[in-house]
Amino acid sequence: MVFKRLLGSLGVGGPTVDTVLDPAPARPGAALTGEVQLRGGNADFDVDHITLELVARVEAEHAEGESEGVVVFERYTVGGGFRLGEGQSYTVPFSVTLPWETPVTELYGQGLGIVLGVRTELAVAGAKDKGDLDRLSVAPLPVQEAILEALGQLGFGFKSADLEYGRIHGTGQQLPFYQELELTPAPQYAHQVNEIELTFLAGPAGLEVVLEADKRGGFFSGSHDTVTRFTVGHHDVDVRDWNTEVDGWIRQLVEHRASYGSQQGAYGHSDHGGDGHRSGPGMGTVVAAGAAGLAVGVVGGLVAAEVVDEVGDFFEGDEEEEQEEEEG
């Protein structure tokens, strides 16, 4: 990456900043590591602070329909309180912990169409500028990957993924938005549901799994949605029969036999099992086929005003819209 010229308040001749993330995908609840590389401008500058912001492209529903924008969901101060000499190079390494509910952007190396970024704010001599924006890649936790793999083995297919602004009632959700994965039904459930929507809400103790089924009419006396929730821990991922357990969740969902949130108690086993069908390819194969064509910038729309200064290639295709907003 090249150093990016700071725009706006610092002006030409000010310091430049480039944040370089370590190449391996991060994971929710784990460390995000890298370094902020500074280069001094045409004079000495006092660096007040260096702050990293985690940003996400999020969809919001309102009375007028749907819109999309940028949400800042975490901030970290990683340095500051030093003088950057004229033309001086200075590196600030960092290691910060991602929120447990950080959305997953890829599965088996294939992008899901989720747009996350790390934006760097440099405060120099009382002026602030957001001078660098870098794409953030997040891989699933082992328990998330195990559940997705089981769904693939059961015959469910990946359809799409997005981030929805709002809260899921009855959960321990922490962030102001949640990730929703839309899945096509496995053949054995295709006559009962149109699609399955899956949300993971991770925490230190385990994972809340929220499943929603868009049911077909007829047998269910009209098309409607039902929701169930399950909780699992992080500790026994390798020893559980995920195909049987996940199939039990789906059966419970489509049969609408449990009230929302009462399927199980503490983190552990669900109270309903299935017979563990293996009727399809693994989710890795499904995603490779279904998600490979989803570009990072596939989600278009409005960009929040605070990020119009410099978006680089991260929000591909939005630069013209931002220019129109600035001119307007």
C-alpha atoms as a PDB file:
ATOM      1  CA  MET A   1       0.000   0.000   0.000  1.00  0.00           C
ATOM      2  CA  VAL A   2       1.118   3.578  -0.548  1.00  0.00           C
ATOM      3  CA  PHE A   3       0.916   6.438   1.886  1.00  0.00           C
ATOM      4  CA  LYS A   4      -2.315   8.333   1.455  1.00  0.00           C
ATOM      5  CA  ARG A   5      -2.366  12.119   1.498  1.00  0.00           C
ATOM      6  CA  LEU A   6      -4.502  13.506   4.273  1.00  0.00           C
ATOM      7  CA  LEU A   7      -7.300  15.686   2.979  1.00  0.00           C
ATOM      8  CA  GLY A   8      -9.322  18.460   4.572  1.00  0.00           C
ATOM      9  CA  SER A   9      -8.163  20.142   7.753  1.00  0.00           C
ATOM     10  CA  LEU A  10      -4.494  19.087   7.656  1.00  0.00           C
ATOM     11  CA  GLY A  11      -4.013  20.132   4.043  1.00  0.00           C
ATOM     12  CA  VAL A  12      -1.165  19.629   1.615  1.00  0.00           C
ATOM     13  CA  GLY A  13       2.181  19.325   3.373  1.00  0.00           C
ATOM     14  CA  GLY A  14       0.733  17.666   6.457  1.00  0.00           C
ATOM     15  CA  PRO A  15       1.641  14.192   7.716  1.00  0.00           C
ATOM     16  CA  THR A  16       0.531  11.111   5.804  1.00  0.00           C
ATOM     17  CA  VAL A  17      -0.789   7.908   7.327  1.00  0.00           C
ATOM     18  CA  ASP A  18      -1.133   4.314   6.169  1.00  0.00           C
ATOM     19  CA  THR A  19      -2.606   1.575   8.330  1.00  0.00           C
ATOM     20  CA  VAL A  20      -1.394  -1.893   7.384  1.00  0.00           C
ATOM     21  CA  LEU A  21      -3.389  -4.817   8.771  1.00  0.00           C
ATOM     22  CA  ASP A  22      -1.752  -8.198   9.193  1.00  0.00           C
ATOM     23  CA  PRO A  23      -2.799 -10.301   6.191  1.00  0.00           C
ATOM     24  CA  ALA A  24      -4.529 -13.220   7.909  1.00  0.00           C
ATOM     25  CA  PRO A  25      -8.290 -12.787   8.442  1.00  0.00           C
ATOM     26  CA  ALA A  26      -9.224 -11.800  11.970  1.00  0.00           C
ATOM     27  CA  ARG A  27     -11.862 -13.607  14.023  1.00  0.00           C
ATOM     28  CA  PRO A  28     -14.636 -12.265  16.253  1.00  0.00           C
ATOM     29  CA  GLY A  29     -13.495 -11.750  19.827  1.00  0.00           C
ATOM     30  CA  ALA A  30      -9.840 -12.174  18.856  1.00  0.00           C
ATOM     31  CA  ALA A  31      -6.960  -9.804  18.174  1.00  0.00           C
ATOM     32  CA  LEU A  32      -6.738  -7.529  15.161  1.00  0.00           C
ATOM     33  CA  THR A  33      -3.093  -6.680  14.623  1.00  0.00           C
ATOM     34  CA  GLY A  34      -1.113  -4.403  12.344  1.00  0.00           C
ATOM     35  CA  GLU A  35       0.698  -1.101  12.372  1.00  0.00           C
ATOM     36  CA  VAL A  36       0.038   2.537  11.610  1.00  0.00           C
ATOM     37  CA  GLN A  37       2.793   4.014   9.456  1.00  0.00           C
ATOM     38  CA  LEU A  38       3.253   7.774   9.629  1.00  0.00           C
ATOM     39  CA  ARG A  39       5.419  10.068   7.561  1.00  0.00           C
ATOM     40  CA  GLY A  40       6.073  13.615   8.618  1.00  0.00           C
ATOM     41  CA  GLY A  41       5.082  16.567   6.477  1.00  0.00           C
ATOM     42  CA  ASN A  42       6.896  19.787   5.661  1.00  0.00           C
ATOM     43  CA  ALA A  43       7.140  20.828   9.328  1.00  0.00           C
ATOM     44  CA  ASP A  44       7.112  19.291  12.799  1.00  0.00           C
ATOM     45  CA  PHE A  45       3.681  18.214  14.052  1.00  0.00           C
ATOM     46  CA  ASP A  46       2.403  17.184  17.477  1.00  0.00           C
ATOM     47  CA  VAL A  47       0.339  14.003  17.165  1.00  0.00           C
ATOM     48  CA  ASP A  48      -2.440  14.145  19.749  1.00  0.00           C
ATOM     49  CA  HIS A  49      -3.864  10.707  19.105  1.00  0.00           C
ATOM     50  CA  ILE A  50      -4.243   7.925  16.553  1.00  0.00           C
ATOM     51  CA  THR A  51      -7.633   6.252  16.609  1.00  0.00           C
ATOM     52  CA  LEU A  52      -8.885   3.227  14.709  1.00  0.00           C
ATOM     53  CA  GLU A  53     -12.596   2.934  13.921  1.00  0.00           C
ATOM     54  CA  LEU A  54     -14.351  -0.236  12.826  1.00  0.00           C
ATOM     55  CA  VAL A  55     -16.968   0.623  10.204  1.00  0.00           C
ATOM     56  CA  ALA A  56     -19.621  -1.442   8.450  1.00  0.00           C
ATOM     57  CA  ARG A  57     -22.018  -0.977   5.548  1.00  0.00           C
ATOM     58  CA  VAL A  58     -25.453  -1.539   7.061  1.00  0.00           C
ATOM     59  CA  GLU A  59     -28.989  -1.647   5.689  1.00  0.00           C
ATOM     60  CA  ALA A  60     -31.812   0.126   7.514  1.00  0.00           C
ATOM     61  CA  GLU A  61     -35.554  -0.157   7.037  1.00  0.00           C
ATOM     62  CA  HIS A  62     -37.768   2.864   7.581  1.00  0.00           C
ATOM     63  CA  ALA A  63     -41.119   4.271   6.519  1.00  0.00           C
ATOM     64  CA  GLU A  64     -39.796   5.371   3.128  1.00  0.00           C
ATOM     65  CA  GLY A  65     -38.259   1.980   2.374  1.00  0.00           C
ATOM     66  CA  GLU A  66     -34.649   0.858   2.769  1.00  0.00           C
ATOM     67  CA  SER A  67     -31.378   2.766   2.799  1.00  0.00           C
ATOM     68  CA  GLU A  68     -27.742   1.915   3.389  1.00  0.00           C
ATOM     69  CA  GLY A  69     -24.979   3.747   5.178  1.00  0.00           C
ATOM     70  CA  VAL A  70     -21.910   3.406   7.337  1.00  0.00           C
ATOM     71  CA  VAL A  71     -21.998   2.580  11.040  1.00  0.00           C
ATOM     72  CA  VAL A  72     -19.000   2.946  13.365  1.00  0.00           C
ATOM     73  CA  PHE A  73     -19.220   0.023  15.782  1.00  0.00           C
ATOM     74  CA  GLU A  74     -15.954   0.258  17.741  1.00  0.00           C
ATOM     75  CA  ARG A  75     -13.136   2.750  18.375  1.00  0.00           C
ATOM     76  CA  TYR A  76      -9.613   2.197  19.697  1.00  0.00           C
ATOM     77  CA  THR A  77      -6.943   4.764  20.553  1.00  0.00           C
ATOM     78  CA  VAL A  78      -3.648   3.110  19.629  1.00  0.00           C
ATOM     79  CA  GLY A  79      -1.141   5.927  20.003  1.00  0.00           C
ATOM     80  CA  GLY A  80      -0.465   9.617  20.412  1.00  0.00           C
ATOM     81  CA  GLY A  81       1.266  12.162  22.554  1.00  0.00           C
ATOM     82  CA  PHE A  82       4.449  12.513  20.490  1.00  0.00           C
ATOM     83  CA  ARG A  83       6.074  14.890  18.028  1.00  0.00           C
ATOM     84  CA  LEU A  84       6.440  13.795  14.399  1.00  0.00           C
ATOM     85  CA  GLY A  85       9.419  15.553  12.882  1.00  0.00           C
ATOM     86  CA  GLU A  86       9.580  16.990   9.396  1.00  0.00           C
ATOM     87  CA  GLY A  87       9.806  14.108   6.916  1.00  0.00           C
ATOM     88  CA  GLN A  88      10.193  11.586   9.761  1.00  0.00           C
ATOM     89  CA  SER A  89       8.918   8.002   9.433  1.00  0.00           C
ATOM     90  CA  TYR A  90       7.206   6.624  12.510  1.00  0.00           C
ATOM     91  CA  THR A  91       5.477   3.280  13.072  1.00  0.00           C
ATOM     92  CA  VAL A  92       2.866   2.499  15.723  1.00  0.00           C
ATOM     93  CA  PRO A  93       2.172  -1.254  16.069  1.00  0.00           C
ATOM     94  CA  PHE A  94      -1.204  -2.216  17.518  1.00  0.00           C
ATOM     95  CA  SER A  95      -3.185  -5.181  18.757  1.00  0.00           C
ATOM     96  CA  VAL A  96      -6.859  -4.607  19.548  1.00  0.00           C
ATOM     97  CA  THR A  97      -9.670  -7.024  20.330  1.00  0.00           C
ATOM     98  CA  LEU A  98     -12.578  -7.256  17.910  1.00  0.00           C
ATOM     99  CA  PRO A  99     -16.112  -7.288  19.327  1.00  0.00           C
ATOM    100  CA  TRP A 100     -17.512 -10.792  19.606  1.00  0.00           C
ATOM    101  CA  GLU A 101     -20.391  -9.851  17.291  1.00  0.00           C
ATOM    102  CA  THR A 102     -18.099  -8.613  14.511  1.00  0.00           C
ATOM    103  CA  PRO A 103     -19.705  -9.842  11.263  1.00  0.00           C
ATOM    104  CA  VAL A 104     -18.078 -12.610   9.250  1.00  0.00           C
ATOM    105  CA  THR A 105     -16.968 -11.426   5.803  1.00  0.00           C
ATOM    106  CA  GLU A 106     -15.695 -14.678   4.322  1.00  0.00           C
ATOM    107  CA  LEU A 107     -16.077 -18.432   4.518  1.00  0.00           C
ATOM    108  CA  TYR A 108     -13.440 -20.819   3.202  1.00  0.00           C
ATOM    109  CA  GLY A 109     -11.750 -17.839   1.568  1.00  0.00           C
ATOM    110  CA  GLN A 110     -14.868 -16.799  -0.348  1.00  0.00           C
ATOM    111  CA  GLY A 111     -16.361 -13.357   0.263  1.00  0.00           C
ATOM    112  CA  LEU A 112     -19.941 -13.117   1.523  1.00  0.00           C
ATOM    113  CA  GLY A 113     -20.598  -9.598   0.250  1.00  0.00           C
ATOM    114  CA  ILE A 114     -20.223  -8.025   3.702  1.00  0.00           C
ATOM    115  CA  VAL A 115     -18.345  -4.706   3.758  1.00  0.00           C
ATOM    116  CA  LEU A 116     -16.225  -3.932   6.836  1.00  0.00           C
ATOM    117  CA  GLY A 117     -13.331  -1.544   7.187  1.00  0.00           C
ATOM    118  CA  VAL A 118     -10.786  -0.046   9.554  1.00  0.00           C
ATOM    119  CA  ARG A 119     -10.644   3.725   9.352  1.00  0.00           C
ATOM    120  CA  THR A 120      -7.719   5.640  10.849  1.00  0.00           C
ATOM    121  CA  GLU A 121      -8.214   9.031  12.460  1.00  0.00           C
ATOM    122  CA  LEU A 122      -5.122  11.144  13.020  1.00  0.00           C
ATOM    123  CA  ALA A 123      -5.393  14.134  15.356  1.00  0.00           C
ATOM    124  CA  VAL A 124      -2.568  16.605  14.806  1.00  0.00           C
ATOM    125  CA  ALA A 125      -2.271  19.970  16.526  1.00  0.00           C
ATOM    126  CA  GLY A 126      -5.973  20.006  17.389  1.00  0.00           C
ATOM    127  CA  ALA A 127      -7.134  19.105  13.864  1.00  0.00           C
ATOM    128  CA  LYS A 128      -8.606  15.704  13.071  1.00  0.00           C
ATOM    129  CA  ASP A 129      -8.555  13.889   9.773  1.00  0.00           C
ATOM    130  CA  LYS A 130      -9.697  10.427   8.747  1.00  0.00           C
ATOM    131  CA  GLY A 131      -6.866   9.669   6.387  1.00  0.00           C
ATOM    132  CA  ASP A 132      -6.886   5.937   5.731  1.00  0.00           C
ATOM    133  CA  LEU A 133      -9.545   3.289   5.162  1.00  0.00           C
ATOM    134  CA  ASP A 134      -8.671  -0.399   4.875  1.00  0.00           C
ATOM    135  CA  ARG A 135     -10.777  -3.434   4.169  1.00  0.00           C
ATOM    136  CA  LEU A 136     -11.260  -5.752   7.138  1.00  0.00           C
ATOM    137  CA  SER A 137     -11.554  -9.506   6.541  1.00  0.00           C
ATOM    138  CA  VAL A 138     -13.129 -11.627   9.273  1.00  0.00           C
ATOM    139  CA  ALA A 139     -13.285 -15.426   9.271  1.00  0.00           C
ATOM    140  CA  PRO A 140     -15.869 -17.353  11.313  1.00  0.00           C
ATOM    141  CA  LEU A 141     -15.314 -18.763  14.768  1.00  0.00           C
ATOM    142  CA  PRO A 142     -14.882 -22.556  14.872  1.00  0.00           C
ATOM    143  CA  VAL A 143     -18.427 -23.040  16.175  1.00  0.00           C
ATOM    144  CA  GLN A 144     -19.851 -20.786  13.443  1.00  0.00           C
ATOM    145  CA  GLU A 145     -17.920 -22.687  10.796  1.00  0.00           C
ATOM    146  CA  ALA A 146     -19.109 -26.024  12.191  1.00  0.00           C
ATOM    147  CA  ILE A 147     -22.752 -24.952  12.034  1.00  0.00           C
ATOM    148  CA  LEU A 148     -22.410 -23.601   8.502  1.00  0.00           C
ATOM    149  CA  GLU A 149     -20.641 -26.763   7.381  1.00  0.00           C
ATOM    150  CA  ALA A 150     -23.449 -28.868   8.865  1.00  0.00           C
ATOM    151  CA  LEU A 151     -26.047 -26.802   7.009  1.00  0.00           C
ATOM    152  CA  GLY A 152     -24.127 -27.413   3.795  1.00  0.00           C
ATOM    153  CA  GLN A 153     -23.957 -31.138   4.486  1.00  0.00           C
ATOM    154  CA  LEU A 154     -27.697 -31.152   5.093  1.00  0.00           C
ATOM    155  CA  GLY A 155     -28.291 -29.606   1.666  1.00  0.00           C
ATOM    156  CA  PHE A 156     -28.847 -25.930   2.448  1.00  0.00           C
ATOM    157  CA  GLY A 157     -27.370 -23.430  -0.004  1.00  0.00           C
ATOM    158  CA  PHE A 158     -25.916 -19.961   0.491  1.00  0.00           C
ATOM    159  CA  LYS A 159     -28.107 -17.238  -1.028  1.00  0.00           C
ATOM    160  CA  SER A 160     -26.879 -13.906   0.340  1.00  0.00           C
ATOM    161  CA  ALA A 161     -25.646 -12.066   3.423  1.00  0.00           C
ATOM    162  CA  ASP A 162     -26.248  -8.565   4.729  1.00  0.00           C
ATOM    163  CA  LEU A 163     -26.072  -6.409   7.838  1.00  0.00           C
ATOM    164  CA  GLU A 164     -29.375  -5.157   9.245  1.00  0.00           C
ATOM    165  CA  TYR A 165     -29.635  -2.114  11.487  1.00  0.00           C
ATOM    166  CA  GLY A 166     -31.712  -2.863  14.584  1.00  0.00           C
ATOM    167  CA  ARG A 167     -31.959  -5.353  17.408  1.00  0.00           C
ATOM    168  CA  ILE A 168     -33.281  -8.901  17.707  1.00  0.00           C
ATOM    169  CA  HIS A 169     -35.740  -9.017  20.578  1.00  0.00           C
ATOM    170  CA  GLY A 170     -34.963 -11.412  23.401  1.00  0.00           C
ATOM    171  CA  THR A 171     -31.263 -11.820  22.658  1.00  0.00           C
ATOM    172  CA  GLY A 172     -28.087 -10.509  24.265  1.00  0.00           C
ATOM    173  CA  GLN A 173     -27.174  -8.518  21.155  1.00  0.00           C
ATOM    174  CA  GLN A 174     -24.533  -5.833  21.800  1.00  0.00           C
ATOM    175  CA  LEU A 175     -23.963  -4.113  18.447  1.00  0.00           C
ATOM    176  CA  PRO A 176     -26.569  -1.794  16.859  1.00  0.00           C
ATOM    177  CA  PHE A 177     -26.871  -4.150  13.880  1.00  0.00           C
ATOM    178  CA  TYR A 178     -26.789  -7.877  13.195  1.00  0.00           C
ATOM    179  CA  GLN A 179     -25.625 -10.101  10.368  1.00  0.00           C
ATOM    180  CA  GLU A 180     -28.190 -12.139   8.484  1.00  0.00           C
ATOM    181  CA  LEU A 181     -27.311 -15.089   6.249  1.00  0.00           C
ATOM    182  CA  GLU A 182     -30.032 -16.158   3.833  1.00  0.00           C
ATOM    183  CA  LEU A 183     -30.032 -19.845   2.894  1.00  0.00           C
ATOM    184  CA  THR A 184     -31.998 -21.787   0.324  1.00  0.00           C
ATOM    185  CA  PRO A 185     -33.765 -24.770   1.877  1.00  0.00           C
ATOM    186  CA  ALA A 186     -32.455 -28.294   1.685  1.00  0.00           C
ATOM    187  CA  PRO A 187     -34.517 -30.575  -0.567  1.00  0.00           C
ATOM    188  CA  GLN A 188     -36.207 -32.287   2.382  1.00  0.00           C
ATOM    189  CA  TYR A 189     -37.545 -28.925   3.594  1.00  0.00           C
ATOM    190  CA  ALA A 190     -38.192 -27.206   0.257  1.00  0.00           C
ATOM    191  CA  HIS A 191     -41.920 -27.967   0.381  1.00  0.00           C
ATOM    192  CA  GLN A 192     -42.196 -26.356   3.817  1.00  0.00           C
ATOM    193  CA  VAL A 193     -40.046 -23.212   3.697  1.00  0.00           C
ATOM    194  CA  ASN A 194     -39.004 -20.658   1.076  1.00  0.00           C
ATOM    195  CA  GLU A 195     -35.734 -19.766   2.812  1.00  0.00           C
ATOM    196  CA  ILE A 196     -33.942 -19.867   6.138  1.00  0.00           C
ATOM    197  CA  GLU A 197     -32.381 -16.767   7.697  1.00  0.00           C
ATOM    198  CA  LEU A 198     -29.529 -17.346  10.128  1.00  0.00           C
ATOM    199  CA  THR A 199     -27.947 -14.934  12.612  1.00  0.00           C
ATOM    200  CA  PHE A 200     -24.999 -15.596  14.930  1.00  0.00           C
ATOM    201  CA  LEU A 201     -24.643 -13.527  18.116  1.00  0.00           C
ATOM    202  CA  ALA A 202     -21.325 -14.528  19.642  1.00  0.00           C
ATOM    203  CA  GLY A 203     -20.109 -13.806  23.161  1.00  0.00           C
ATOM    204  CA  PRO A 204     -17.334 -14.962  25.486  1.00  0.00           C
ATOM    205  CA  ALA A 205     -19.372 -17.912  26.783  1.00  0.00           C
ATOM    206  CA  GLY A 206     -20.798 -19.125  23.507  1.00  0.00           C
ATOM    207  CA  LEU A 207     -23.052 -18.403  20.594  1.00  0.00           C
ATOM    208  CA  GLU A 208     -26.711 -17.533  20.191  1.00  0.00           C
ATOM    209  CA  VAL A 209     -28.060 -18.988  16.950  1.00  0.00           C
ATOM    210  CA  VAL A 210     -31.205 -17.284  15.699  1.00  0.00           C
ATOM    211  CA  LEU A 211     -33.088 -19.074  12.909  1.00  0.00           C
ATOM    212  CA  GLU A 212     -36.025 -17.660  10.997  1.00  0.00           C
ATOM    213  CA  ALA A 213     -38.061 -19.568   8.435  1.00  0.00           C
ATOM    214  CA  ASP A 214     -40.120 -17.959   5.698  1.00  0.00           C
ATOM    215  CA  LYS A 215     -42.740 -20.681   5.553  1.00  0.00           C
ATOM    216  CA  ARG A 216     -44.747 -21.651   2.523  1.00  0.00           C
ATOM    217  CA  GLY A 217     -48.556 -21.564   2.544  1.00  0.00           C
ATOM    218  CA  GLY A 218     -50.903 -24.504   2.298  1.00  0.00           C
ATOM    219  CA  PHE A 219     -49.926 -26.972   5.005  1.00  0.00           C
ATOM    220  CA  PHE A 220     -49.070 -24.074   7.326  1.00  0.00           C
ATOM    221  CA  SER A 221     -52.324 -22.241   6.549  1.00  0.00           C
ATOM    222  CA  GLY A 222     -50.724 -19.292   4.856  1.00  0.00           C
ATOM    223  CA  SER A 223     -47.188 -17.984   4.431  1.00  0.00           C
ATOM    224  CA  HIS A 224     -45.617 -16.580   7.602  1.00  0.00           C
ATOM    225  CA  ASP A 225     -42.336 -16.386   9.468  1.00  0.00           C
ATOM    226  CA  THR A 226     -41.338 -18.279  12.589  1.00  0.00           C
ATOM    227  CA  VAL A 227     -38.251 -17.769  14.727  1.00  0.00           C
ATOM    228  CA  THR A 228     -36.359 -20.022  17.097  1.00  0.00           C
ATOM    229  CA  ARG A 229     -33.172 -19.483  19.084  1.00  0.00           C
ATOM    230  CA  PHE A 230     -30.513 -21.903  20.311  1.00  0.00           C
ATOM    231  CA  THR A 231     -27.332 -21.486  22.332  1.00  0.00           C
ATOM    232  CA  VAL A 232     -24.082 -23.406  22.048  1.00  0.00           C
ATOM    233  CA  GLY A 233     -20.686 -23.124  23.718  1.00  0.00           C
ATOM    234  CA  HIS A 234     -17.220 -22.662  22.282  1.00  0.00           C
ATOM    235  CA  HIS A 235     -15.585 -25.512  24.166  1.00  0.00           C
ATOM    236  CA  ASP A 236     -16.794 -28.763  22.551  1.00  0.00           C
ATOM    237  CA  VAL A 237     -16.908 -27.899  18.853  1.00  0.00           C
ATOM    238  CA  ASP A 238     -14.881 -30.915  17.758  1.00  0.00           C
ATOM    239  CA  VAL A 239     -16.898 -33.558  19.602  1.00  0.00           C
ATOM    240  CA  ARG A 240     -20.494 -32.647  18.796  1.00  0.00           C
ATOM    241  CA  ASP A 241     -22.552 -34.280  16.066  1.00  0.00           C
ATOM    242  CA  TRP A 242     -23.374 -31.028  14.314  1.00  0.00           C
ATOM    243  CA  ASN A 243     -25.347 -32.577  11.463  1.00  0.00           C
ATOM    244  CA  THR A 244     -27.763 -34.202  13.871  1.00  0.00           C
ATOM    245  CA  GLU A 245     -27.991 -31.175  16.127  1.00  0.00           C
ATOM    246  CA  VAL A 246     -28.467 -28.614  13.368  1.00  0.00           C
ATOM    247  CA  ASP A 247     -31.018 -30.794  11.609  1.00  0.00           C
ATOM    248  CA  GLY A 248     -32.897 -30.936  14.904  1.00  0.00           C
ATOM    249  CA  TRP A 249     -32.912 -27.155  15.033  1.00  0.00           C
ATOM    250  CA  ILE A 250     -34.333 -26.934  11.530  1.00  0.00           C
ATOM    251  CA  ARG A 251     -36.997 -29.531  12.266  1.00  0.00           C
ATOM    252  CA  GLN A 252     -38.003 -27.650  15.385  1.00  0.00           C
ATOM    253  CA  LEU A 253     -38.117 -24.406  13.427  1.00  0.00           C
ATOM    254  CA  VAL A 254     -40.279 -25.614  10.572  1.00  0.00           C
ATOM    255  CA  GLU A 255     -42.591 -27.584  12.832  1.00  0.00           C
ATOM    256  CA  HIS A 256     -43.046 -24.539  15.062  1.00  0.00           C
ATOM    257  CA  ARG A 257     -43.043 -26.655  18.192  1.00  0.00           C
ATOM    258  CA  ALA A 258     -41.194 -24.370  20.586  1.00  0.00           C
ATOM    259  CA  SER A 259     -41.684 -20.831  21.774  1.00  0.00           C
ATOM    260  CA  TYR A 260     -39.010 -18.266  20.992  1.00  0.00           C
ATOM    261  CA  GLY A 261     -36.013 -18.445  23.289  1.00  0.00           C
ATOM    262  CA  SER A 262     -37.186 -21.443  25.378  1.00  0.00           C
ATOM    263  CA  GLN A 263     -35.475 -24.247  23.482  1.00  0.00           C
ATOM    264  CA  GLN A 264     -32.676 -24.669  25.990  1.00  0.00           C
ATOM    265  CA  GLY A 265     -31.206 -23.274  29.156  1.00  0.00           C
ATOM    266  CA  ALA A 266     -27.546 -22.508  29.671  1.00  0.00           C
ATOM    267  CA  TYR A 267     -25.005 -22.815  26.888  1.00  0.00           C
ATOM    268  CA  GLY A 268     -25.058 -26.448  25.863  1.00  0.00           C
ATOM    269  CA  HIS A 269     -27.270 -28.895  24.075  1.00  0.00           C
ATOM    270  CA  SER A 270     -30.563 -28.152  22.394  1.00  0.00           C
ATOM    271  CA  ASP A 271     -33.571 -30.158  23.476  1.00  0.00           C
ATOM    272  CA  HIS A 272     -34.510 -31.577  20.104  1.00  0.00           C
ATOM    273  CA  GLY A 273     -32.482 -33.721  17.752  1.00  0.00           C
ATOM    274  CA  GLY A 274     -32.838 -34.978  14.213  1.00  0.00           C
ATOM    275  CA  ASP A 275     -31.577 -37.887  12.167  1.00  0.00           C
ATOM    276  CA  GLY A 276     -28.619 -36.126  10.576  1.00  0.00           C
ATOM    277  CA  HIS A 277     -29.394 -36.246   6.869  1.00  0.00           C
ATOM    278  CA  ARG A 278     -26.400 -35.869   4.537  1.00  0.00           C
ATOM    279  CA  SER A 279     -28.019 -34.819   1.329  1.00  0.00           C
ATOM    280  CA  GLY A 280     -25.797 -32.124  -0.068  1.00  0.00           C
ATOM    281  CA  PRO A 281     -22.283 -30.756  -0.470  1.00  0.00           C
ATOM    282  CA  GLY A 282     -20.460 -29.034   2.373  1.00  0.00           C
ATOM    283  CA  MET A 283     -21.080 -25.335   2.911  1.00  0.00           C
ATOM    284  CA  GLY A 284     -17.569 -24.691   1.601  1.00  0.00           C
ATOM    285  CA  THR A 285     -18.589 -25.973  -1.819  1.00  0.00           C
ATOM    286  CA  VAL A 286     -21.899 -24.150  -1.651  1.00  0.00           C
ATOM    287  CA  VAL A 287     -20.284 -20.821  -0.809  1.00  0.00           C
ATOM    288  CA  ALA A 288     -17.558 -21.251  -3.406  1.00  0.00           C
ATOM    289  CA  ALA A 289     -20.258 -21.619  -6.018  1.00  0.00           C
ATOM    290  CA  GLY A 290     -22.741 -19.096  -4.648  1.00  0.00           C
ATOM    291  CA  ALA A 291     -20.634 -16.349  -3.114  1.00  0.00           C
ATOM    292  CA  ALA A 292     -17.585 -16.190  -5.337  1.00  0.00           C
ATOM    293  CA  GLY A 293     -19.279 -13.694  -7.612  1.00  0.00           C
ATOM    294  CA  LEU A 294     -20.228 -11.295  -4.820  1.00  0.00           C
ATOM    295  CA  ALA A 295     -17.930  -8.290  -5.018  1.00  0.00           C
ATOM    296  CA  VAL A 296     -17.062  -6.436  -1.856  1.00  0.00           C
ATOM    297  CA  GLY A 297     -18.824  -3.386  -3.244  1.00  0.00           C
ATOM    298  CA  VAL A 298     -22.001  -5.228  -4.233  1.00  0.00           C
ATOM    299  CA  VAL A 299     -23.969  -3.295  -1.626  1.00  0.00           C
ATOM    300  CA  GLY A 300     -24.608   0.138  -3.131  1.00  0.00           C
ATOM    301  CA  GLY A 301     -26.402   3.124  -1.738  1.00  0.00           C
ATOM    302  CA  LEU A 302     -25.860   6.117   0.482  1.00  0.00           C
ATOM    303  CA  VAL A 303     -22.631   6.666   2.372  1.00  0.00           C
ATOM    304  CA  ALA A 304     -22.615   8.526   5.645  1.00  0.00           C
ATOM    305  CA  ALA A 305     -21.288  12.057   5.360  1.00  0.00           C
ATOM    306  CA  GLU A 306     -18.338  11.495   7.667  1.00  0.00           C
ATOM    307  CA  VAL A 307     -16.624   9.093   5.276  1.00  0.00           C
ATOM    308  CA  VAL A 308     -16.861  11.038   2.039  1.00  0.00           C
ATOM    309  CA  ASP A 309     -13.320  12.410   2.332  1.00  0.00           C
ATOM    310  CA  GLU A 310     -11.503   9.299   1.223  1.00  0.00           C
ATOM    311  CA  VAL A 311     -12.930   5.876   0.482  1.00  0.00           C
ATOM    312  CA  GLY A 312     -10.317   4.531  -1.930  1.00  0.00           C
ATOM    313  CA  ASP A 313     -11.206   1.190  -3.440  1.00  0.00           C
ATOM    314  CA  PHE A 314     -12.994  -0.032  -0.330  1.00  0.00           C
ATOM    315  CA  PHE A 315     -16.426   1.297  -1.262  1.00  0.00           C
ATOM    316  CA  GLU A 316     -15.998   0.738  -4.961  1.00  0.00           C
ATOM    317  CA  GLY A 317     -18.404   2.654  -7.124  1.00  0.00           C
ATOM    318  CA  ASP A 318     -19.450   5.171  -4.474  1.00  0.00           C
ATOM    319  CA  GLU A 319     -17.002   7.964  -5.326  1.00  0.00           C
ATOM    320  CA  GLU A 320     -19.259   9.595  -7.937  1.00  0.00           C
ATOM    321  CA  GLU A 321     -22.202   9.609  -5.549  1.00  0.00           C
ATOM    322  CA  GLU A 322     -20.064  11.181  -2.818  1.00  0.00           C
ATOM    323  CA  GLN A 323     -18.880  13.877  -5.214  1.00  0.00           C
ATOM    324  CA  GLU A 324     -22.469  14.704  -6.116  1.00  0.00           C
ATOM    325  CA  GLU A 325     -23.343  14.959  -2.420  1.00  0.00           C
ATOM    326  CA  GLU A 326     -20.419  17.301  -1.767  1.00  0.00           C
ATOM    327  CA  GLU A 327     -21.295  19.507  -4.743  1.00  0.00           C
ATOM    328  CA  GLY A 328     -24.938  19.569  -3.691  1.00  0.00           C
END
